[in-house]
Every structure is written in structure tokens, then in C-alpha cells.
Amino acid sequence: MSSSPFFYGIADFLTWTFGFFDVVGNKFNYSVIVLGFIGLFYWLNTQRKLSAKAEKEGKLK
């Protein structure tokens, strides 16, 4: 008896299981990139405000 049907069965199951990646495509990747840039701009804006506050209070050397 050969083990090929067993491994082909596992391969077919995994192909079926991860088939939703074809539907998702690059949408997930693009959304992660956009969220990363939004977070970057939020962080830079917060850092700018905190640096201005520290400079105004004389705590920035």
C-alpha cells in the first residue's frame, strides 16, 4: 500500500482550506500598508505636539 493517497488528501485539503487567499488577493496587504501610514502620521503629529510643549516649558535641551 502506498502513502501517496494520504499525502495527496492532505494537499487537497490544504489547497481547499487556503483557497480564500485567492479571493482576498492583495487587499489585506494594501490595508495593512494604509493603516501603517495612518499610524505613522498620527505618531508624528503627537510627537510634534509633545516636542512643542516641552520646548515651551523649557524641558527640551
C-alpha atoms as a PDB file:
ATOM      1  CA  MET A   1       0.000   0.000   0.000  1.00  0.00           C
ATOM      2  CA  SER A   2       1.304   3.402  -0.956  1.00  0.00           C
ATOM      3  CA  SER A   3       1.100   6.506   1.198  1.00  0.00           C
ATOM      4  CA  SER A   4       0.560   8.755  -1.826  1.00  0.00           C
ATOM      5  CA  PRO A   5      -3.251   8.953  -1.465  1.00  0.00           C
ATOM      6  CA  PHE A   6      -2.824  10.041   2.141  1.00  0.00           C
ATOM      7  CA  PHE A   7      -0.436  12.868   1.270  1.00  0.00           C
ATOM      8  CA  TYR A   8      -2.482  13.890  -1.770  1.00  0.00           C
ATOM      9  CA  GLY A   9      -5.500  14.059   0.517  1.00  0.00           C
ATOM     10  CA  ILE A  10      -3.655  16.368   2.907  1.00  0.00           C
ATOM     11  CA  ALA A  11      -2.502  18.505  -0.019  1.00  0.00           C
ATOM     12  CA  ASP A  12      -6.037  18.747  -1.416  1.00  0.00           C
ATOM     13  CA  PHE A  13      -7.398  19.693   1.998  1.00  0.00           C
ATOM     14  CA  LEU A  14      -4.787  22.413   2.482  1.00  0.00           C
ATOM     15  CA  THR A  15      -5.390  23.724  -1.033  1.00  0.00           C
ATOM     16  CA  TRP A  16      -9.103  23.931  -0.275  1.00  0.00           C
ATOM     17  CA  THR A  17      -8.509  25.468   3.178  1.00  0.00           C
ATOM     18  CA  PHE A  18      -6.238  28.250   1.944  1.00  0.00           C
ATOM     19  CA  GLY A  19      -8.301  28.907  -1.170  1.00  0.00           C
ATOM     20  CA  PHE A  20      -9.769  32.069   0.376  1.00  0.00           C
ATOM     21  CA  PHE A  21      -6.431  33.797  -0.229  1.00  0.00           C
ATOM     22  CA  ASP A  22      -7.359  33.916  -3.905  1.00  0.00           C
ATOM     23  CA  VAL A  23     -10.449  35.945  -3.011  1.00  0.00           C
ATOM     24  CA  VAL A  24      -8.603  38.263  -0.619  1.00  0.00           C
ATOM     25  CA  GLY A  25      -5.760  38.936  -3.014  1.00  0.00           C
ATOM     26  CA  ASN A  26      -3.673  41.963  -2.118  1.00  0.00           C
ATOM     27  CA  LYS A  27      -6.492  43.837  -0.377  1.00  0.00           C
ATOM     28  CA  PHE A  28      -5.212  42.773   3.029  1.00  0.00           C
ATOM     29  CA  ASN A  29      -1.672  43.865   2.187  1.00  0.00           C
ATOM     30  CA  TYR A  30      -2.856  47.251   0.957  1.00  0.00           C
ATOM     31  CA  SER A  31      -4.994  47.781   4.037  1.00  0.00           C
ATOM     32  CA  VAL A  32      -2.055  46.977   6.341  1.00  0.00           C
ATOM     33  CA  ILE A  33       0.140  49.458   4.461  1.00  0.00           C
ATOM     34  CA  VAL A  34      -2.532  52.174   4.673  1.00  0.00           C
ATOM     35  CA  LEU A  35      -3.067  51.533   8.395  1.00  0.00           C
ATOM     36  CA  GLY A  36       0.691  51.700   8.914  1.00  0.00           C
ATOM     37  CA  PHE A  37       0.885  55.110   7.255  1.00  0.00           C
ATOM     38  CA  ILE A  38      -2.095  56.382   9.259  1.00  0.00           C
ATOM     39  CA  GLY A  39      -0.377  55.237  12.444  1.00  0.00           C
ATOM     40  CA  LEU A  40       2.886  56.846  11.342  1.00  0.00           C
ATOM     41  CA  PHE A  41       1.219  60.208  10.689  1.00  0.00           C
ATOM     42  CA  TYR A  42      -0.655  60.029  13.996  1.00  0.00           C
ATOM     43  CA  TRP A  43       2.560  59.268  15.879  1.00  0.00           C
ATOM     44  CA  LEU A  44       4.490  62.044  14.108  1.00  0.00           C
ATOM     45  CA  ASN A  45       1.731  64.559  14.841  1.00  0.00           C
ATOM     46  CA  THR A  46       1.649  63.546  18.524  1.00  0.00           C
ATOM     47  CA  GLN A  47       5.450  63.752  18.715  1.00  0.00           C
ATOM     48  CA  ARG A  48       5.385  67.231  17.156  1.00  0.00           C
ATOM     49  CA  LYS A  49       2.849  68.419  19.759  1.00  0.00           C
ATOM     50  CA  LEU A  50       4.802  66.938  22.666  1.00  0.00           C
ATOM     51  CA  SER A  51       8.084  68.409  21.426  1.00  0.00           C
ATOM     52  CA  ALA A  52       6.490  71.850  21.088  1.00  0.00           C
ATOM     53  CA  LYS A  53       5.064  71.563  24.606  1.00  0.00           C
ATOM     54  CA  ALA A  54       8.437  70.509  26.043  1.00  0.00           C
ATOM     55  CA  GLU A  55      10.221  73.350  24.256  1.00  0.00           C
ATOM     56  CA  LYS A  56       7.662  75.861  25.534  1.00  0.00           C
ATOM     57  CA  GLU A  57       8.102  74.630  29.112  1.00  0.00           C
ATOM     58  CA  GLY A  58      11.884  74.715  28.809  1.00  0.00           C
ATOM     59  CA  LYS A  59      12.311  70.972  29.340  1.00  0.00           C
ATOM     60  CA  LEU A  60      13.853  70.366  25.939  1.00  0.00           C
ATOM     61  CA  LYS A  61      17.627  70.693  25.829  1.00  0.00           C
END
